[in-house]
């Protein structure tokens, strides 16, 4: 026996292969925070910004970022607006 034959994978039918074809649940690509934010066009196409429709604050909106920072801002912004109204 050679070393190459010792490292060759051996196919084992363990019954789990039937699950490999099940599609994974896709993440939602749209968050409700975008109802309260406006995308801003920037000169640098790699730099994306979002502006709060209520207080006009500007935030990073790169696709690599999640929307949790936008959601956090909206929660505090809307609380402040509601407090100022009452």
PDB file of N, CA and C in Angstrom:
ATOM      1  N   UNK A   1       0.838  -1.167   0.000  1.00  0.00           N
ATOM      2  CA  UNK A   1       0.000   0.000   0.000  1.00  0.00           C
ATOM      3  C   UNK A   1       0.889   1.237   0.000  1.00  0.00           C
ATOM      4  N   UNK A   2       0.501   2.235  -0.809  1.00  0.00           N
ATOM      5  CA  UNK A   2       1.278   3.471  -0.874  1.00  0.00           C
ATOM      6  C   UNK A   2       0.636   4.527   0.016  1.00  0.00           C
ATOM      7  N   UNK A   3       1.381   5.610   0.266  1.00  0.00           N
ATOM      8  CA  UNK A   3       0.858   6.694   1.092  1.00  0.00           C
ATOM      9  C   UNK A   3      -0.361   7.336   0.438  1.00  0.00           C
ATOM     10  N   UNK A   4      -0.367   7.444  -0.898  1.00  0.00           N
ATOM     11  CA  UNK A   4      -1.485   8.072  -1.594  1.00  0.00           C
ATOM     12  C   UNK A   4      -2.770   7.290  -1.361  1.00  0.00           C
ATOM     13  N   UNK A   5      -2.697   5.985  -1.336  1.00  0.00           N
ATOM     14  CA  UNK A   5      -3.921   5.210  -1.153  1.00  0.00           C
ATOM     15  C   UNK A   5      -4.444   5.315   0.285  1.00  0.00           C
ATOM     16  N   UNK A   6      -3.575   5.603   1.237  1.00  0.00           N
ATOM     17  CA  UNK A   6      -4.018   5.781   2.615  1.00  0.00           C
ATOM     18  C   UNK A   6      -4.772   7.104   2.800  1.00  0.00           C
ATOM     19  N   UNK A   7      -4.456   8.112   1.973  1.00  0.00           N
ATOM     20  CA  UNK A   7      -5.079   9.421   2.092  1.00  0.00           C
ATOM     21  C   UNK A   7      -6.290   9.595   1.176  1.00  0.00           C
ATOM     22  N   UNK A   8      -6.641   8.580   0.423  1.00  0.00           N
ATOM     23  CA  UNK A   8      -7.769   8.672  -0.496  1.00  0.00           C
ATOM     24  C   UNK A   8      -9.068   8.539   0.295  1.00  0.00           C
ATOM     25  N   UNK A   9     -10.000   9.495   0.106  1.00  0.00           N
ATOM     26  CA  UNK A   9     -11.260   9.409   0.843  1.00  0.00           C
ATOM     27  C   UNK A   9     -12.084   8.209   0.407  1.00  0.00           C
ATOM     28  N   UNK A  10     -12.794   7.636   1.339  1.00  0.00           N
ATOM     29  CA  UNK A  10     -13.644   6.487   1.065  1.00  0.00           C
ATOM     30  C   UNK A  10     -15.082   6.958   1.182  1.00  0.00           C
ATOM     31  N   UNK A  11     -15.888   6.722   0.149  1.00  0.00           N
ATOM     32  CA  UNK A  11     -17.285   7.119   0.163  1.00  0.00           C
ATOM     33  C   UNK A  11     -18.063   6.209   1.107  1.00  0.00           C
ATOM     34  N   UNK A  12     -18.767   6.808   2.028  1.00  0.00           N
ATOM     35  CA  UNK A  12     -19.595   6.052   2.968  1.00  0.00           C
ATOM     36  C   UNK A  12     -21.029   6.552   2.805  1.00  0.00           C
ATOM     37  N   UNK A  13     -21.949   5.648   2.496  1.00  0.00           N
ATOM     38  CA  UNK A  13     -23.352   6.027   2.376  1.00  0.00           C
ATOM     39  C   UNK A  13     -23.968   5.931   3.771  1.00  0.00           C
ATOM     40  N   UNK A  14     -24.043   7.090   4.438  1.00  0.00           N
ATOM     41  CA  UNK A  14     -24.554   7.105   5.806  1.00  0.00           C
ATOM     42  C   UNK A  14     -25.987   7.626   5.895  1.00  0.00           C
ATOM     43  N   UNK A  15     -26.616   7.881   4.750  1.00  0.00           N
ATOM     44  CA  UNK A  15     -27.999   8.314   4.738  1.00  0.00           C
ATOM     45  C   UNK A  15     -28.188   9.807   4.919  1.00  0.00           C
ATOM     46  N   UNK A  16     -27.137  10.560   5.172  1.00  0.00           N
ATOM     47  CA  UNK A  16     -27.267  11.995   5.386  1.00  0.00           C
ATOM     48  C   UNK A  16     -27.206  12.787   4.088  1.00  0.00           C
ATOM     49  N   UNK A  17     -26.823  12.176   3.004  1.00  0.00           N
ATOM     50  CA  UNK A  17     -26.717  12.873   1.727  1.00  0.00           C
ATOM     51  C   UNK A  17     -28.063  13.418   1.260  1.00  0.00           C
ATOM     52  N   UNK A  18     -29.175  12.819   1.689  1.00  0.00           N
ATOM     53  CA  UNK A  18     -30.482  13.286   1.266  1.00  0.00           C
ATOM     54  C   UNK A  18     -30.758  14.710   1.736  1.00  0.00           C
ATOM     55  N   UNK A  19     -30.073  15.181   2.776  1.00  0.00           N
ATOM     56  CA  UNK A  19     -30.296  16.525   3.307  1.00  0.00           C
ATOM     57  C   UNK A  19     -29.467  17.580   2.596  1.00  0.00           C
ATOM     58  N   UNK A  20     -28.498  17.171   1.814  1.00  0.00           N
ATOM     59  CA  UNK A  20     -27.630  18.139   1.153  1.00  0.00           C
ATOM     60  C   UNK A  20     -28.370  18.972   0.125  1.00  0.00           C
ATOM     61  N   UNK A  21     -29.440  18.459  -0.465  1.00  0.00           N
ATOM     62  CA  UNK A  21     -30.135  19.177  -1.518  1.00  0.00           C
ATOM     63  C   UNK A  21     -31.220  20.106  -0.978  1.00  0.00           C
ATOM     64  N   UNK A  22     -31.459  20.115   0.316  1.00  0.00           N
ATOM     65  CA  UNK A  22     -32.479  20.985   0.895  1.00  0.00           C
ATOM     66  C   UNK A  22     -31.963  22.421   0.871  1.00  0.00           C
ATOM     67  N   UNK A  23     -32.703  23.331   0.235  1.00  0.00           N
ATOM     68  CA  UNK A  23     -32.222  24.720   0.174  1.00  0.00           C
ATOM     69  C   UNK A  23     -32.257  25.378   1.546  1.00  0.00           C
ATOM     70  N   UNK A  24     -31.236  26.188   1.802  1.00  0.00           N
ATOM     71  CA  UNK A  24     -31.171  26.918   3.057  1.00  0.00           C
ATOM     72  C   UNK A  24     -32.109  28.114   2.978  1.00  0.00           C
ATOM     73  N   UNK A  25     -32.608  28.520   4.133  1.00  0.00           N
ATOM     74  CA  UNK A  25     -33.489  29.688   4.190  1.00  0.00           C
ATOM     75  C   UNK A  25     -32.689  30.930   3.841  1.00  0.00           C
ATOM     76  N   UNK A  26     -33.208  31.711   2.932  1.00  0.00           N
ATOM     77  CA  UNK A  26     -32.524  32.932   2.531  1.00  0.00           C
ATOM     78  C   UNK A  26     -32.859  34.044   3.506  1.00  0.00           C
ATOM     79  N   UNK A  27     -31.870  34.922   3.761  1.00  0.00           N
ATOM     80  CA  UNK A  27     -32.094  36.080   4.607  1.00  0.00           C
ATOM     81  C   UNK A  27     -32.928  37.103   3.852  1.00  0.00           C
ATOM     82  N   UNK A  28     -33.698  37.826   4.582  1.00  0.00           N
ATOM     83  CA  UNK A  28     -34.462  38.906   3.994  1.00  0.00           C
ATOM     84  C   UNK A  28     -33.492  39.986   3.536  1.00  0.00           C
ATOM     85  N   UNK A  29     -33.692  40.498   2.347  1.00  0.00           N
ATOM     86  CA  UNK A  29     -32.779  41.523   1.840  1.00  0.00           C
ATOM     87  C   UNK A  29     -33.302  42.929   2.107  1.00  0.00           C
ATOM     88  N   UNK A  30     -34.500  43.045   2.635  1.00  0.00           N
ATOM     89  CA  UNK A  30     -35.060  44.357   2.895  1.00  0.00           C
ATOM     90  C   UNK A  30     -35.470  44.457   4.354  1.00  0.00           C
ATOM     91  N   UNK A  31     -34.993  45.496   4.997  1.00  0.00           N
ATOM     92  CA  UNK A  31     -35.336  45.739   6.389  1.00  0.00           C
ATOM     93  C   UNK A  31     -36.335  46.886   6.454  1.00  0.00           C
ATOM     94  N   UNK A  32     -37.202  46.840   7.456  1.00  0.00           N
ATOM     95  CA  UNK A  32     -38.188  47.911   7.610  1.00  0.00           C
ATOM     96  C   UNK A  32     -37.547  49.248   7.946  1.00  0.00           C
ATOM     97  N   UNK A  33     -36.277  49.257   8.349  1.00  0.00           N
ATOM     98  CA  UNK A  33     -35.615  50.543   8.632  1.00  0.00           C
ATOM     99  C   UNK A  33     -35.517  51.406   7.378  1.00  0.00           C
ATOM    100  N   UNK A  34     -35.533  50.775   6.206  1.00  0.00           N
ATOM    101  CA  UNK A  34     -35.410  51.543   4.969  1.00  0.00           C
ATOM    102  C   UNK A  34     -36.667  52.357   4.670  1.00  0.00           C
ATOM    103  N   UNK A  35     -37.764  52.075   5.375  1.00  0.00           N
ATOM    104  CA  UNK A  35     -38.956  52.913   5.247  1.00  0.00           C
ATOM    105  C   UNK A  35     -38.734  54.267   5.908  1.00  0.00           C
ATOM    106  N   UNK A  36     -37.776  54.322   6.830  1.00  0.00           N
ATOM    107  CA  UNK A  36     -37.501  55.542   7.599  1.00  0.00           C
ATOM    108  C   UNK A  36     -36.169  56.187   7.229  1.00  0.00           C
ATOM    109  N   UNK A  37     -35.472  55.626   6.239  1.00  0.00           N
ATOM    110  CA  UNK A  37     -34.162  56.131   5.809  1.00  0.00           C
ATOM    111  C   UNK A  37     -34.178  56.378   4.302  1.00  0.00           C
ATOM    112  N   UNK A  38     -33.311  57.283   3.853  1.00  0.00           N
ATOM    113  CA  UNK A  38     -33.149  57.562   2.432  1.00  0.00           C
ATOM    114  C   UNK A  38     -31.716  57.257   2.048  1.00  0.00           C
ATOM    115  N   UNK A  39     -31.531  56.485   0.971  1.00  0.00           N
ATOM    116  CA  UNK A  39     -30.184  56.229   0.458  1.00  0.00           C
ATOM    117  C   UNK A  39     -29.649  57.495  -0.192  1.00  0.00           C
ATOM    118  N   UNK A  40     -28.399  57.823   0.109  1.00  0.00           N
ATOM    119  CA  UNK A  40     -27.761  58.995  -0.476  1.00  0.00           C
ATOM    120  C   UNK A  40     -26.731  58.549  -1.500  1.00  0.00           C
ATOM    121  N   UNK A  41     -26.688  59.230  -2.631  1.00  0.00           N
ATOM    122  CA  UNK A  41     -25.681  58.939  -3.636  1.00  0.00           C
ATOM    123  C   UNK A  41     -24.399  59.672  -3.264  1.00  0.00           C
ATOM    124  N   UNK A  42     -23.289  58.959  -3.354  1.00  0.00           N
ATOM    125  CA  UNK A  42     -21.990  59.542  -3.031  1.00  0.00           C
ATOM    126  C   UNK A  42     -21.127  59.532  -4.280  1.00  0.00           C
ATOM    127  N   UNK A  43     -20.149  60.443  -4.339  1.00  0.00           N
ATOM    128  CA  UNK A  43     -19.225  60.466  -5.475  1.00  0.00           C
ATOM    129  C   UNK A  43     -18.458  59.154  -5.558  1.00  0.00           C
ATOM    130  N   UNK A  44     -18.007  58.680  -4.405  1.00  0.00           N
ATOM    131  CA  UNK A  44     -17.297  57.406  -4.339  1.00  0.00           C
ATOM    132  C   UNK A  44     -18.343  56.296  -4.274  1.00  0.00           C
ATOM    133  N   UNK A  45     -18.435  55.486  -5.309  1.00  0.00           N
ATOM    134  CA  UNK A  45     -19.475  54.442  -5.382  1.00  0.00           C
ATOM    135  C   UNK A  45     -19.312  53.370  -4.305  1.00  0.00           C
ATOM    136  N   UNK A  46     -18.101  53.238  -3.736  1.00  0.00           N
ATOM    137  CA  UNK A  46     -17.878  52.260  -2.665  1.00  0.00           C
ATOM    138  C   UNK A  46     -18.382  52.775  -1.319  1.00  0.00           C
ATOM    139  N   UNK A  47     -18.698  54.059  -1.251  1.00  0.00           N
ATOM    140  CA  UNK A  47     -19.151  54.656   0.001  1.00  0.00           C
ATOM    141  C   UNK A  47     -20.646  54.933  -0.110  1.00  0.00           C
ATOM    142  N   UNK A  48     -21.429  54.202   0.664  1.00  0.00           N
ATOM    143  CA  UNK A  48     -22.877  54.378   0.642  1.00  0.00           C
ATOM    144  C   UNK A  48     -23.332  54.982   1.962  1.00  0.00           C
ATOM    145  N   UNK A  49     -24.284  55.879   1.889  1.00  0.00           N
ATOM    146  CA  UNK A  49     -24.783  56.574   3.076  1.00  0.00           C
ATOM    147  C   UNK A  49     -26.303  56.487   3.116  1.00  0.00           C
ATOM    148  N   UNK A  50     -26.836  56.575   4.323  1.00  0.00           N
ATOM    149  CA  UNK A  50     -28.281  56.625   4.540  1.00  0.00           C
ATOM    150  C   UNK A  50     -28.579  57.809   5.432  1.00  0.00           C
ATOM    151  N   UNK A  51     -29.684  58.485   5.160  1.00  0.00           N
ATOM    152  CA  UNK A  51     -30.075  59.643   5.952  1.00  0.00           C
ATOM    153  C   UNK A  51     -31.409  59.367   6.631  1.00  0.00           C
ATOM    154  N   UNK A  52     -31.462  59.652   7.910  1.00  0.00           N
ATOM    155  CA  UNK A  52     -32.692  59.500   8.683  1.00  0.00           C
ATOM    156  C   UNK A  52     -33.727  60.505   8.159  1.00  0.00           C
ATOM    157  N   UNK A  53     -34.917  60.024   7.856  1.00  0.00           N
ATOM    158  CA  UNK A  53     -35.979  60.894   7.345  1.00  0.00           C
ATOM    159  C   UNK A  53     -36.527  61.831   8.417  1.00  0.00           C
ATOM    160  N   UNK A  54     -36.225  61.582   9.687  1.00  0.00           N
ATOM    161  CA  UNK A  54     -36.780  62.380  10.786  1.00  0.00           C
ATOM    162  C   UNK A  54     -35.837  63.484  11.234  1.00  0.00           C
ATOM    163  N   UNK A  55     -34.573  63.127  11.521  1.00  0.00           N
ATOM    164  CA  UNK A  55     -33.640  64.130  12.061  1.00  0.00           C
ATOM    165  C   UNK A  55     -32.536  64.499  11.074  1.00  0.00           C
ATOM    166  N   UNK A  56     -32.522  63.839   9.923  1.00  0.00           N
ATOM    167  CA  UNK A  56     -31.559  64.106   8.839  1.00  0.00           C
ATOM    168  C   UNK A  56     -30.122  63.717   9.171  1.00  0.00           C
ATOM    169  N   UNK A  57     -29.896  62.902  10.214  1.00  0.00           N
ATOM    170  CA  UNK A  57     -28.560  62.385  10.510  1.00  0.00           C
ATOM    171  C   UNK A  57     -28.139  61.425   9.404  1.00  0.00           C
ATOM    172  N   UNK A  58     -26.826  61.357   9.139  1.00  0.00           N
ATOM    173  CA  UNK A  58     -26.307  60.528   8.055  1.00  0.00           C
ATOM    174  C   UNK A  58     -25.471  59.396   8.647  1.00  0.00           C
ATOM    175  N   UNK A  59     -25.656  58.193   8.090  1.00  0.00           N
ATOM    176  CA  UNK A  59     -24.990  56.984   8.576  1.00  0.00           C
ATOM    177  C   UNK A  59     -24.397  56.201   7.423  1.00  0.00           C
ATOM    178  N   UNK A  60     -23.447  55.339   7.745  1.00  0.00           N
ATOM    179  CA  UNK A  60     -22.895  54.426   6.760  1.00  0.00           C
ATOM    180  C   UNK A  60     -23.961  53.415   6.367  1.00  0.00           C
ATOM    181  N   UNK A  61     -24.009  53.076   5.083  1.00  0.00           N
ATOM    182  CA  UNK A  61     -25.015  52.118   4.615  1.00  0.00           C
ATOM    183  C   UNK A  61     -24.385  51.096   3.675  1.00  0.00           C
ATOM    184  N   UNK A  62     -23.118  50.773   3.917  1.00  0.00           N
ATOM    185  CA  UNK A  62     -22.465  49.757   3.089  1.00  0.00           C
ATOM    186  C   UNK A  62     -23.188  48.435   3.238  1.00  0.00           C
ATOM    187  N   UNK A  63     -23.185  47.654   2.167  1.00  0.00           N
ATOM    188  CA  UNK A  63     -23.875  46.368   2.215  1.00  0.00           C
ATOM    189  C   UNK A  63     -23.207  45.411   3.188  1.00  0.00           C
ATOM    190  N   UNK A  64     -21.937  45.643   3.503  1.00  0.00           N
ATOM    191  CA  UNK A  64     -21.250  44.767   4.459  1.00  0.00           C
ATOM    192  C   UNK A  64     -21.710  45.047   5.889  1.00  0.00           C
ATOM    193  N   UNK A  65     -22.292  46.218   6.099  1.00  0.00           N
ATOM    194  CA  UNK A  65     -22.804  46.566   7.424  1.00  0.00           C
ATOM    195  C   UNK A  65     -24.226  46.045   7.566  1.00  0.00           C
ATOM    196  N   UNK A  66     -24.600  45.741   8.764  1.00  0.00           N
ATOM    197  CA  UNK A  66     -25.976  45.349   9.007  1.00  0.00           C
ATOM    198  C   UNK A  66     -26.777  46.597   9.325  1.00  0.00           C
ATOM    199  N   UNK A  67     -28.058  46.411   9.497  1.00  0.00           N
ATOM    200  CA  UNK A  67     -28.920  47.568   9.754  1.00  0.00           C
ATOM    201  C   UNK A  67     -29.151  47.820  11.235  1.00  0.00           C
ATOM    202  N   UNK A  68     -28.457  47.082  12.100  1.00  0.00           N
ATOM    203  CA  UNK A  68     -28.709  47.246  13.538  1.00  0.00           C
ATOM    204  C   UNK A  68     -28.374  48.653  14.014  1.00  0.00           C
ATOM    205  N   UNK A  69     -27.329  49.279  13.476  1.00  0.00           N
ATOM    206  CA  UNK A  69     -27.002  50.643  13.901  1.00  0.00           C
ATOM    207  C   UNK A  69     -28.073  51.631  13.428  1.00  0.00           C
ATOM    208  N   UNK A  70     -28.679  51.361  12.286  1.00  0.00           N
ATOM    209  CA  UNK A  70     -29.756  52.214  11.800  1.00  0.00           C
ATOM    210  C   UNK A  70     -31.014  52.025  12.650  1.00  0.00           C
ATOM    211  N   UNK A  71     -31.305  50.775  12.992  1.00  0.00           N
ATOM    212  CA  UNK A  71     -32.470  50.467  13.836  1.00  0.00           C
ATOM    213  C   UNK A  71     -32.317  51.112  15.211  1.00  0.00           C
ATOM    214  N   UNK A  72     -31.107  51.039  15.776  1.00  0.00           N
ATOM    215  CA  UNK A  72     -30.844  51.638  17.089  1.00  0.00           C
ATOM    216  C   UNK A  72     -31.076  53.152  17.031  1.00  0.00           C
ATOM    217  N   UNK A  73     -30.567  53.779  15.975  1.00  0.00           N
ATOM    218  CA  UNK A  73     -30.767  55.219  15.836  1.00  0.00           C
ATOM    219  C   UNK A  73     -32.251  55.545  15.715  1.00  0.00           C
ATOM    220  N   UNK A  74     -32.969  54.802  14.886  1.00  0.00           N
ATOM    221  CA  UNK A  74     -34.396  55.088  14.698  1.00  0.00           C
ATOM    222  C   UNK A  74     -35.173  54.961  15.996  1.00  0.00           C
ATOM    223  N   UNK A  75     -34.855  53.946  16.783  1.00  0.00           N
ATOM    224  CA  UNK A  75     -35.545  53.785  18.073  1.00  0.00           C
ATOM    225  C   UNK A  75     -35.348  55.010  18.953  1.00  0.00           C
ATOM    226  N   UNK A  76     -34.096  55.467  19.072  1.00  0.00           N
ATOM    227  CA  UNK A  76     -33.829  56.625  19.931  1.00  0.00           C
ATOM    228  C   UNK A  76     -34.371  57.910  19.304  1.00  0.00           C
ATOM    229  N   UNK A  77     -34.307  58.022  17.996  1.00  0.00           N
ATOM    230  CA  UNK A  77     -34.794  59.220  17.309  1.00  0.00           C
ATOM    231  C   UNK A  77     -36.312  59.343  17.467  1.00  0.00           C
ATOM    232  N   UNK A  78     -37.024  58.254  17.262  1.00  0.00           N
ATOM    233  CA  UNK A  78     -38.479  58.287  17.376  1.00  0.00           C
ATOM    234  C   UNK A  78     -38.934  58.503  18.814  1.00  0.00           C
ATOM    235  N   UNK A  79     -38.190  57.962  19.765  1.00  0.00           N
ATOM    236  CA  UNK A  79     -38.523  58.230  21.185  1.00  0.00           C
ATOM    237  C   UNK A  79     -38.391  59.718  21.495  1.00  0.00           C
ATOM    238  N   UNK A  80     -37.313  60.328  20.976  1.00  0.00           N
ATOM    239  CA  UNK A  80     -37.089  61.754  21.216  1.00  0.00           C
ATOM    240  C   UNK A  80     -38.189  62.591  20.569  1.00  0.00           C
ATOM    241  N   UNK A  81     -38.574  62.224  19.354  1.00  0.00           N
ATOM    242  CA  UNK A  81     -39.638  62.957  18.663  1.00  0.00           C
ATOM    243  C   UNK A  81     -40.956  62.843  19.443  1.00  0.00           C
ATOM    244  N   UNK A  82     -41.276  61.636  19.890  1.00  0.00           N
ATOM    245  CA  UNK A  82     -42.501  61.426  20.667  1.00  0.00           C
ATOM    246  C   UNK A  82     -42.472  62.200  21.984  1.00  0.00           C
ATOM    247  N   UNK A  83     -41.299  62.265  22.620  1.00  0.00           N
ATOM    248  CA  UNK A  83     -41.164  62.997  23.875  1.00  0.00           C
ATOM    249  C   UNK A  83     -41.358  64.496  23.636  1.00  0.00           C
ATOM    250  N   UNK A  84     -40.820  65.017  22.522  1.00  0.00           N
ATOM    251  CA  UNK A  84     -40.946  66.432  22.212  1.00  0.00           C
ATOM    252  C   UNK A  84     -42.380  66.802  21.876  1.00  0.00           C
ATOM    253  N   UNK A  85     -43.144  65.869  21.327  1.00  0.00           N
ATOM    254  CA  UNK A  85     -44.532  66.137  20.943  1.00  0.00           C
ATOM    255  C   UNK A  85     -45.419  66.244  22.176  1.00  0.00           C
ATOM    256  N   UNK A  86     -45.166  65.401  23.175  1.00  0.00           N
ATOM    257  CA  UNK A  86     -46.046  65.384  24.378  1.00  0.00           C
ATOM    258  C   UNK A  86     -45.670  66.420  25.390  1.00  0.00           C
TER     259      UNK A  86
END
